[in-house]
Amino acid sequence: MTHGDITHIDIPVSDPERAKAFYSGLFGWEITALPGFEDYPMWQAPNKVSGGGLAPRSADFTQPRSYVEVDSIDETLAAAVAAGASVLMEKQPISETSWWAVLSDPDGNSIGLYEGVTDAG
């Protein structure tokens, strides 16, 4: 993926097992729990391009959130703030080679950012 591509979509769920059954049955999504992320089932669409996670619903996470691939989270957050956005969550590690952050655009939409290796191949 390259800078600007949507790389991941989180869907907030209150019952992961119900959500897994619903989305796999309705859309044919392959849903698995990855080692280290057992409480965060990951979904993959049949096209093997689109995917995301079934994330725990919380008071501040009630709507699906798209994540955009960026070359640098630090630079993107600075540019976003200069353009009128606010930072909801500073850069956090996912692994040794990947990070994420969340901003709120000028209209209040939550947008996730992803920086790192998306394909080990």
N, C-alpha and C. Protein backbone atom coordinates (compact mmCIF):
# COMPACT_ATOMS: atom_id res chain seq x y z
N MET A 1 0.85 -1.17 0.00
CA MET A 1 0.00 0.00 0.00
C MET A 1 0.90 1.24 0.00
N THR A 2 0.32 2.32 -0.44
CA THR A 2 1.07 3.56 -0.49
C THR A 2 0.36 4.66 0.28
N HIS A 3 1.08 5.75 0.50
CA HIS A 3 0.55 6.89 1.24
C HIS A 3 -0.82 7.28 0.66
N GLY A 4 -1.82 7.33 1.53
CA GLY A 4 -3.16 7.73 1.13
C GLY A 4 -4.14 6.58 0.91
N ASP A 5 -3.64 5.35 0.81
CA ASP A 5 -4.53 4.21 0.64
C ASP A 5 -5.24 3.88 1.95
N ILE A 6 -6.51 3.50 1.86
CA ILE A 6 -7.20 2.98 3.04
C ILE A 6 -6.71 1.56 3.23
N THR A 7 -6.17 1.29 4.40
CA THR A 7 -5.51 0.01 4.64
C THR A 7 -6.26 -0.91 5.59
N HIS A 8 -7.24 -0.37 6.34
CA HIS A 8 -7.84 -1.15 7.42
C HIS A 8 -9.13 -0.45 7.85
N ILE A 9 -10.13 -1.21 8.24
CA ILE A 9 -11.37 -0.64 8.77
C ILE A 9 -11.74 -1.39 10.05
N ASP A 10 -11.85 -0.65 11.15
CA ASP A 10 -12.31 -1.23 12.41
C ASP A 10 -13.81 -1.05 12.54
N ILE A 11 -14.47 -2.11 12.96
CA ILE A 11 -15.91 -2.07 13.21
C ILE A 11 -16.12 -2.31 14.70
N PRO A 12 -16.74 -1.35 15.40
CA PRO A 12 -16.96 -1.54 16.84
C PRO A 12 -18.06 -2.58 17.09
N VAL A 13 -17.78 -3.52 17.98
CA VAL A 13 -18.76 -4.58 18.29
C VAL A 13 -18.85 -4.76 19.80
N SER A 14 -20.05 -5.13 20.25
CA SER A 14 -20.24 -5.41 21.67
C SER A 14 -20.19 -6.90 21.97
N ASP A 15 -20.41 -7.72 20.95
CA ASP A 15 -20.38 -9.17 21.10
C ASP A 15 -19.57 -9.76 19.94
N PRO A 16 -18.27 -10.01 20.15
CA PRO A 16 -17.42 -10.47 19.05
C PRO A 16 -17.90 -11.76 18.38
N GLU A 17 -18.39 -12.71 19.15
CA GLU A 17 -18.84 -13.97 18.55
C GLU A 17 -20.06 -13.75 17.65
N ARG A 18 -21.00 -12.92 18.09
CA ARG A 18 -22.16 -12.60 17.28
C ARG A 18 -21.72 -11.88 16.01
N ALA A 19 -20.79 -10.93 16.14
CA ALA A 19 -20.31 -10.18 14.99
C ALA A 19 -19.59 -11.09 13.99
N LYS A 20 -18.77 -12.02 14.50
CA LYS A 20 -18.07 -12.95 13.61
C LYS A 20 -19.07 -13.77 12.81
N ALA A 21 -20.10 -14.29 13.47
CA ALA A 21 -21.11 -15.08 12.78
C ALA A 21 -21.87 -14.23 11.76
N PHE A 22 -22.21 -13.01 12.13
CA PHE A 22 -22.96 -12.12 11.25
C PHE A 22 -22.16 -11.80 9.99
N TYR A 23 -20.95 -11.28 10.14
CA TYR A 23 -20.17 -10.83 8.99
C TYR A 23 -19.66 -11.98 8.12
N SER A 24 -19.28 -13.08 8.73
CA SER A 24 -18.82 -14.21 7.92
C SER A 24 -19.99 -14.82 7.16
N GLY A 25 -21.15 -14.91 7.82
CA GLY A 25 -22.32 -15.46 7.15
C GLY A 25 -22.89 -14.57 6.07
N LEU A 26 -22.93 -13.27 6.32
CA LEU A 26 -23.53 -12.32 5.38
C LEU A 26 -22.63 -12.02 4.19
N PHE A 27 -21.35 -11.79 4.45
CA PHE A 27 -20.43 -11.35 3.39
C PHE A 27 -19.37 -12.37 3.00
N GLY A 28 -19.28 -13.48 3.72
CA GLY A 28 -18.24 -14.46 3.43
C GLY A 28 -16.86 -14.04 3.90
N TRP A 29 -16.82 -13.13 4.87
CA TRP A 29 -15.53 -12.67 5.38
C TRP A 29 -14.85 -13.79 6.15
N GLU A 30 -13.55 -13.91 5.97
CA GLU A 30 -12.73 -14.83 6.75
C GLU A 30 -12.33 -14.07 8.02
N ILE A 31 -12.65 -14.61 9.18
CA ILE A 31 -12.38 -13.92 10.44
C ILE A 31 -11.54 -14.81 11.33
N THR A 32 -10.38 -14.28 11.74
CA THR A 32 -9.46 -15.05 12.57
C THR A 32 -8.89 -14.18 13.68
N ALA A 33 -8.46 -14.84 14.73
CA ALA A 33 -7.77 -14.15 15.82
C ALA A 33 -6.28 -14.42 15.65
N LEU A 34 -5.51 -13.36 15.53
CA LEU A 34 -4.07 -13.51 15.36
C LEU A 34 -3.37 -13.64 16.71
N PRO A 35 -2.27 -14.36 16.79
CA PRO A 35 -1.52 -14.47 18.05
C PRO A 35 -1.17 -13.09 18.60
N GLY A 36 -1.47 -12.89 19.85
CA GLY A 36 -1.22 -11.61 20.49
C GLY A 36 -2.38 -10.65 20.39
N PHE A 37 -3.36 -10.96 19.54
CA PHE A 37 -4.53 -10.11 19.35
C PHE A 37 -5.81 -10.95 19.45
N GLU A 38 -5.85 -11.88 20.39
CA GLU A 38 -6.96 -12.81 20.51
C GLU A 38 -8.30 -12.11 20.77
N ASP A 39 -8.29 -10.95 21.43
CA ASP A 39 -9.52 -10.23 21.72
C ASP A 39 -9.90 -9.24 20.62
N TYR A 40 -9.23 -9.35 19.49
CA TYR A 40 -9.43 -8.42 18.37
C TYR A 40 -9.47 -9.22 17.07
N PRO A 41 -10.61 -9.90 16.79
CA PRO A 41 -10.68 -10.71 15.57
C PRO A 41 -10.48 -9.85 14.32
N MET A 42 -9.68 -10.37 13.41
CA MET A 42 -9.39 -9.65 12.16
C MET A 42 -10.23 -10.25 11.03
N TRP A 43 -10.81 -9.39 10.20
CA TRP A 43 -11.60 -9.86 9.07
C TRP A 43 -10.89 -9.56 7.76
N GLN A 44 -11.12 -10.43 6.79
CA GLN A 44 -10.57 -10.28 5.45
C GLN A 44 -11.70 -10.53 4.46
N ALA A 45 -11.92 -9.57 3.56
CA ALA A 45 -12.94 -9.72 2.54
C ALA A 45 -12.49 -10.75 1.51
N PRO A 46 -13.43 -11.33 0.75
CA PRO A 46 -13.05 -12.32 -0.25
C PRO A 46 -12.04 -11.82 -1.28
N ASN A 47 -11.98 -10.49 -1.52
CA ASN A 47 -11.02 -9.98 -2.50
C ASN A 47 -9.58 -10.00 -1.99
N LYS A 48 -9.39 -10.34 -0.71
CA LYS A 48 -8.07 -10.43 -0.06
C LYS A 48 -7.34 -9.09 -0.02
N VAL A 49 -8.05 -7.99 -0.33
CA VAL A 49 -7.47 -6.66 -0.27
C VAL A 49 -8.05 -5.91 0.92
N SER A 50 -9.36 -5.91 1.02
CA SER A 50 -10.04 -5.19 2.10
C SER A 50 -10.04 -6.03 3.37
N GLY A 51 -9.81 -5.35 4.49
CA GLY A 51 -9.82 -6.05 5.76
C GLY A 51 -9.81 -5.08 6.91
N GLY A 52 -9.90 -5.64 8.11
CA GLY A 52 -9.90 -4.81 9.30
C GLY A 52 -10.08 -5.65 10.54
N GLY A 53 -10.66 -5.03 11.55
CA GLY A 53 -10.84 -5.73 12.81
C GLY A 53 -12.22 -5.51 13.39
N LEU A 54 -12.61 -6.41 14.27
CA LEU A 54 -13.83 -6.28 15.06
C LEU A 54 -13.38 -5.82 16.44
N ALA A 55 -13.41 -4.51 16.64
CA ALA A 55 -12.84 -3.90 17.83
C ALA A 55 -13.88 -3.72 18.93
N PRO A 56 -13.48 -3.80 20.18
CA PRO A 56 -14.43 -3.60 21.27
C PRO A 56 -15.07 -2.20 21.21
N ARG A 57 -16.40 -2.19 21.28
CA ARG A 57 -17.14 -0.93 21.31
C ARG A 57 -16.88 -0.25 22.65
N SER A 58 -16.75 1.08 22.61
CA SER A 58 -16.57 1.86 23.83
C SER A 58 -17.33 3.17 23.68
N ALA A 59 -17.37 3.96 24.74
CA ALA A 59 -18.09 5.23 24.71
C ALA A 59 -17.54 6.16 23.64
N ASP A 60 -16.23 6.09 23.36
CA ASP A 60 -15.66 6.98 22.36
C ASP A 60 -15.36 6.27 21.03
N PHE A 61 -15.83 5.04 20.88
CA PHE A 61 -15.67 4.31 19.63
C PHE A 61 -16.98 3.60 19.31
N THR A 62 -17.85 4.31 18.60
CA THR A 62 -19.20 3.79 18.32
C THR A 62 -19.48 3.66 16.83
N GLN A 63 -18.60 4.16 15.98
CA GLN A 63 -18.79 4.10 14.53
C GLN A 63 -17.56 3.48 13.88
N PRO A 64 -17.73 2.82 12.73
CA PRO A 64 -16.55 2.28 12.04
C PRO A 64 -15.51 3.35 11.78
N ARG A 65 -14.25 2.95 11.82
CA ARG A 65 -13.13 3.88 11.61
C ARG A 65 -12.22 3.32 10.52
N SER A 66 -11.98 4.12 9.49
CA SER A 66 -11.03 3.76 8.45
C SER A 66 -9.64 4.19 8.84
N TYR A 67 -8.65 3.41 8.45
CA TYR A 67 -7.25 3.73 8.69
C TYR A 67 -6.57 3.98 7.35
N VAL A 68 -5.81 5.05 7.29
CA VAL A 68 -5.14 5.45 6.07
C VAL A 68 -3.64 5.23 6.22
N GLU A 69 -3.04 4.59 5.23
CA GLU A 69 -1.59 4.37 5.19
C GLU A 69 -0.91 5.72 4.98
N VAL A 70 0.10 6.01 5.78
CA VAL A 70 0.88 7.25 5.62
C VAL A 70 2.36 6.92 5.68
N ASP A 71 3.15 7.79 5.05
CA ASP A 71 4.60 7.60 5.08
C ASP A 71 5.16 7.91 6.47
N SER A 72 4.56 8.90 7.14
CA SER A 72 5.02 9.29 8.47
C SER A 72 3.83 9.78 9.29
N ILE A 73 3.52 9.08 10.37
CA ILE A 73 2.44 9.52 11.25
C ILE A 73 2.78 10.87 11.85
N ASP A 74 4.02 11.06 12.27
CA ASP A 74 4.40 12.33 12.89
C ASP A 74 4.15 13.50 11.95
N GLU A 75 4.60 13.39 10.71
CA GLU A 75 4.40 14.46 9.74
C GLU A 75 2.92 14.65 9.40
N THR A 76 2.20 13.54 9.28
CA THR A 76 0.78 13.63 8.93
C THR A 76 -0.02 14.27 10.06
N LEU A 77 0.27 13.91 11.31
CA LEU A 77 -0.43 14.54 12.43
C LEU A 77 -0.15 16.04 12.48
N ALA A 78 1.10 16.44 12.26
CA ALA A 78 1.44 17.86 12.27
C ALA A 78 0.69 18.60 11.17
N ALA A 79 0.66 18.03 9.97
CA ALA A 79 -0.05 18.66 8.86
C ALA A 79 -1.55 18.72 9.12
N ALA A 80 -2.10 17.65 9.72
CA ALA A 80 -3.53 17.61 10.01
C ALA A 80 -3.91 18.68 11.03
N VAL A 81 -3.12 18.82 12.08
CA VAL A 81 -3.38 19.84 13.10
C VAL A 81 -3.29 21.23 12.48
N ALA A 82 -2.30 21.46 11.63
CA ALA A 82 -2.17 22.75 10.95
C ALA A 82 -3.37 23.05 10.06
N ALA A 83 -4.03 21.98 9.58
CA ALA A 83 -5.19 22.14 8.70
C ALA A 83 -6.51 22.14 9.47
N GLY A 84 -6.46 22.11 10.81
CA GLY A 84 -7.67 22.22 11.60
C GLY A 84 -8.14 20.96 12.30
N ALA A 85 -7.37 19.89 12.20
CA ALA A 85 -7.73 18.64 12.88
C ALA A 85 -7.22 18.66 14.33
N SER A 86 -7.64 17.67 15.09
CA SER A 86 -7.09 17.48 16.43
C SER A 86 -6.66 16.03 16.57
N VAL A 87 -5.75 15.79 17.48
CA VAL A 87 -5.23 14.44 17.70
C VAL A 87 -6.05 13.78 18.80
N LEU A 88 -6.67 12.66 18.49
CA LEU A 88 -7.43 11.90 19.48
C LEU A 88 -6.55 10.89 20.20
N MET A 89 -5.57 10.34 19.47
CA MET A 89 -4.63 9.39 20.07
C MET A 89 -3.28 9.57 19.38
N GLU A 90 -2.27 9.84 20.18
CA GLU A 90 -0.91 10.00 19.65
C GLU A 90 -0.42 8.67 19.08
N LYS A 91 0.67 8.71 18.36
CA LYS A 91 1.31 7.55 17.74
C LYS A 91 1.58 6.48 18.80
N GLN A 92 1.12 5.25 18.51
CA GLN A 92 1.31 4.10 19.41
C GLN A 92 1.89 2.94 18.60
N PRO A 93 2.76 2.14 19.20
CA PRO A 93 3.29 0.98 18.47
C PRO A 93 2.28 -0.15 18.35
N ILE A 94 2.31 -0.82 17.21
CA ILE A 94 1.58 -2.06 17.01
C ILE A 94 2.57 -3.21 17.13
N SER A 95 3.72 -3.01 16.49
CA SER A 95 4.82 -3.98 16.51
C SER A 95 6.12 -3.18 16.44
N GLU A 96 7.21 -3.87 16.24
CA GLU A 96 8.50 -3.18 16.13
C GLU A 96 8.61 -2.37 14.84
N THR A 97 7.75 -2.67 13.85
CA THR A 97 7.84 -2.01 12.55
C THR A 97 6.56 -1.32 12.11
N SER A 98 5.60 -1.15 13.03
CA SER A 98 4.35 -0.49 12.64
C SER A 98 3.74 0.28 13.80
N TRP A 99 3.01 1.36 13.45
CA TRP A 99 2.42 2.25 14.43
C TRP A 99 1.05 2.70 13.96
N TRP A 100 0.26 3.24 14.90
CA TRP A 100 -1.04 3.80 14.56
C TRP A 100 -1.31 5.02 15.41
N ALA A 101 -2.24 5.84 14.95
CA ALA A 101 -2.68 7.04 15.66
C ALA A 101 -4.08 7.35 15.17
N VAL A 102 -4.77 8.25 15.87
CA VAL A 102 -6.12 8.63 15.47
C VAL A 102 -6.26 10.14 15.54
N LEU A 103 -6.86 10.71 14.50
CA LEU A 103 -7.12 12.15 14.50
C LEU A 103 -8.61 12.38 14.31
N SER A 104 -9.04 13.59 14.61
CA SER A 104 -10.40 14.03 14.35
C SER A 104 -10.30 15.14 13.31
N ASP A 105 -10.95 14.96 12.17
CA ASP A 105 -10.87 15.98 11.12
C ASP A 105 -11.69 17.21 11.53
N PRO A 106 -11.63 18.30 10.77
CA PRO A 106 -12.35 19.52 11.17
C PRO A 106 -13.86 19.34 11.34
N ASP A 107 -14.43 18.27 10.77
CA ASP A 107 -15.86 18.00 10.95
C ASP A 107 -16.14 17.02 12.08
N GLY A 108 -15.11 16.59 12.79
CA GLY A 108 -15.28 15.69 13.92
C GLY A 108 -15.24 14.21 13.58
N ASN A 109 -14.89 13.86 12.34
CA ASN A 109 -14.78 12.46 11.95
C ASN A 109 -13.48 11.87 12.46
N SER A 110 -13.56 10.68 13.00
CA SER A 110 -12.40 9.96 13.50
C SER A 110 -11.73 9.22 12.34
N ILE A 111 -10.44 9.50 12.12
CA ILE A 111 -9.67 8.86 11.05
C ILE A 111 -8.42 8.24 11.68
N GLY A 112 -8.20 6.97 11.39
CA GLY A 112 -7.00 6.31 11.88
C GLY A 112 -5.86 6.46 10.88
N LEU A 113 -4.65 6.45 11.41
CA LEU A 113 -3.44 6.50 10.58
C LEU A 113 -2.63 5.25 10.85
N TYR A 114 -2.01 4.72 9.82
CA TYR A 114 -1.16 3.54 9.93
C TYR A 114 0.16 3.82 9.22
N GLU A 115 1.25 3.49 9.89
CA GLU A 115 2.59 3.60 9.30
C GLU A 115 3.31 2.31 9.58
N GLY A 116 3.91 1.72 8.54
CA GLY A 116 4.70 0.53 8.77
C GLY A 116 4.60 -0.48 7.67
N VAL A 117 5.05 -1.66 8.00
CA VAL A 117 5.07 -2.76 7.06
C VAL A 117 3.70 -3.41 7.04
N THR A 118 3.07 -3.47 5.85
CA THR A 118 1.77 -4.11 5.72
C THR A 118 1.85 -5.47 5.09
N ASP A 119 2.98 -5.77 4.42
CA ASP A 119 3.12 -7.04 3.74
C ASP A 119 4.55 -7.52 3.89
N ALA A 120 4.71 -8.62 4.57
CA ALA A 120 6.07 -9.15 4.80
C ALA A 120 6.67 -9.74 3.53
N GLY A 121 5.87 -9.87 2.48
CA GLY A 121 6.36 -10.48 1.25
C GLY A 121 7.10 -9.58 0.44
